[in-house]
Amino acid sequence: MLTKKEQVLKHHQDVINFIHSLEALTEEQWRSPISIGKWTIAEVVGHLITWDEFILHNRLTLLLLSKTFTKGSRSRRNESNCGKKSTY
């Protein structure tokens, strides 16, 4: 049985492996919506990058320092930046 720590680490390793599998996509596949009216794969991955960076730089530091989270605007601002990361 996996411990919580092992489960979390395995989950993130699985995500890394999945992201690496996307390297096999053509540029057309990368830029195509996953369904009608939905985001492209590039936009979804860009969204993940933006939120990962937000957690790493704005949340984990606070957790490690036992500080409280700030509310509001940073999260909304972060959401608006997600599309910019999809240009990778």
Protein backbone atom coordinates (compact mmCIF):
# COMPACT_ATOMS: atom_id res chain seq x y z
CA MET A 1 0.00 0.00 0.00
CA LEU A 2 1.29 3.44 -0.93
CA THR A 3 1.65 6.13 1.71
CA LYS A 4 0.24 9.60 1.05
CA LYS A 5 3.72 10.92 0.24
CA GLU A 6 4.34 8.06 -2.19
CA GLN A 7 0.91 8.58 -3.77
CA VAL A 8 1.55 12.28 -4.31
CA LEU A 9 5.02 11.68 -5.74
CA LYS A 10 3.73 8.89 -7.99
CA HIS A 11 0.91 11.12 -9.22
CA HIS A 12 3.33 13.88 -10.17
CA GLN A 13 5.71 11.43 -11.84
CA ASP A 14 2.76 10.10 -13.86
CA VAL A 15 1.90 13.66 -14.93
CA ILE A 16 5.53 14.23 -15.97
CA ASN A 17 5.47 11.01 -18.00
CA PHE A 18 2.19 12.04 -19.62
CA ILE A 19 3.54 15.46 -20.54
CA HIS A 20 6.62 13.84 -22.09
CA SER A 21 4.32 11.64 -24.18
CA LEU A 22 2.91 14.84 -25.74
CA GLU A 23 6.26 15.41 -27.47
CA ALA A 24 5.10 12.89 -30.08
CA LEU A 25 2.22 15.16 -31.16
CA THR A 26 2.44 17.10 -34.37
CA GLU A 27 2.20 20.90 -34.21
CA GLU A 28 -1.30 20.60 -35.68
CA GLN A 29 -2.39 18.18 -32.94
CA TRP A 30 -0.76 20.40 -30.28
CA ARG A 31 -2.73 23.44 -31.52
CA SER A 32 -6.07 21.69 -32.12
CA PRO A 33 -8.93 21.93 -29.61
CA ILE A 34 -9.49 18.69 -27.72
CA SER A 35 -13.16 18.98 -28.66
CA ILE A 36 -15.43 21.55 -30.31
CA GLY A 37 -15.41 24.70 -28.23
CA LYS A 38 -12.68 23.37 -25.90
CA TRP A 39 -9.09 24.41 -25.27
CA THR A 40 -6.17 23.15 -27.32
CA ILE A 41 -3.66 20.78 -25.75
CA ALA A 42 -1.20 23.68 -25.73
CA GLU A 43 -3.64 25.80 -23.73
CA VAL A 44 -4.31 23.01 -21.23
CA VAL A 45 -0.59 22.46 -20.68
CA GLY A 46 -0.05 26.22 -20.48
CA HIS A 47 -2.70 26.33 -17.76
CA LEU A 48 -0.86 23.60 -15.81
CA ILE A 49 2.44 25.47 -16.11
CA THR A 50 0.97 28.72 -14.83
CA TRP A 51 -0.66 27.09 -11.81
CA ASP A 52 2.42 24.99 -11.02
CA GLU A 53 4.51 28.17 -11.00
CA PHE A 54 1.95 29.92 -8.80
CA ILE A 55 1.96 27.06 -6.28
CA LEU A 56 5.76 26.82 -6.26
CA HIS A 57 6.39 30.54 -5.88
CA ASN A 58 3.36 31.78 -3.96
CA ARG A 59 2.01 28.91 -1.89
CA LEU A 60 4.73 26.40 -1.00
CA THR A 61 6.96 29.15 0.34
CA LEU A 62 4.15 30.26 2.66
CA LEU A 63 3.49 26.69 3.75
CA LEU A 64 7.15 26.07 4.51
CA LEU A 65 7.35 29.31 6.50
CA SER A 66 4.04 28.57 8.29
CA LYS A 67 2.55 31.81 6.95
CA THR A 68 -1.06 32.41 5.97
CA PHE A 69 -2.20 32.67 2.37
CA THR A 70 -3.12 35.97 0.83
CA LYS A 71 -6.58 36.14 -0.71
CA GLY A 72 -7.84 37.01 -4.09
CA SER A 73 -6.18 39.04 -6.77
CA ARG A 74 -3.03 36.95 -7.31
CA SER A 75 -5.14 33.90 -8.09
CA ARG A 76 -7.33 35.80 -10.54
CA ARG A 77 -4.29 37.45 -12.14
CA ASN A 78 -2.66 34.04 -12.42
CA GLU A 79 -5.75 32.67 -14.18
CA SER A 80 -5.59 35.45 -16.75
CA ASN A 81 -1.94 34.60 -17.52
CA CYS A 82 -2.64 30.95 -18.35
CA GLY A 83 -3.13 31.55 -22.06
CA LYS A 84 0.29 33.16 -22.39
CA LYS A 85 2.01 29.89 -21.47
CA SER A 86 0.32 28.06 -24.33
CA THR A 87 2.65 29.66 -26.85
CA TYR A 88 5.44 27.24 -25.86
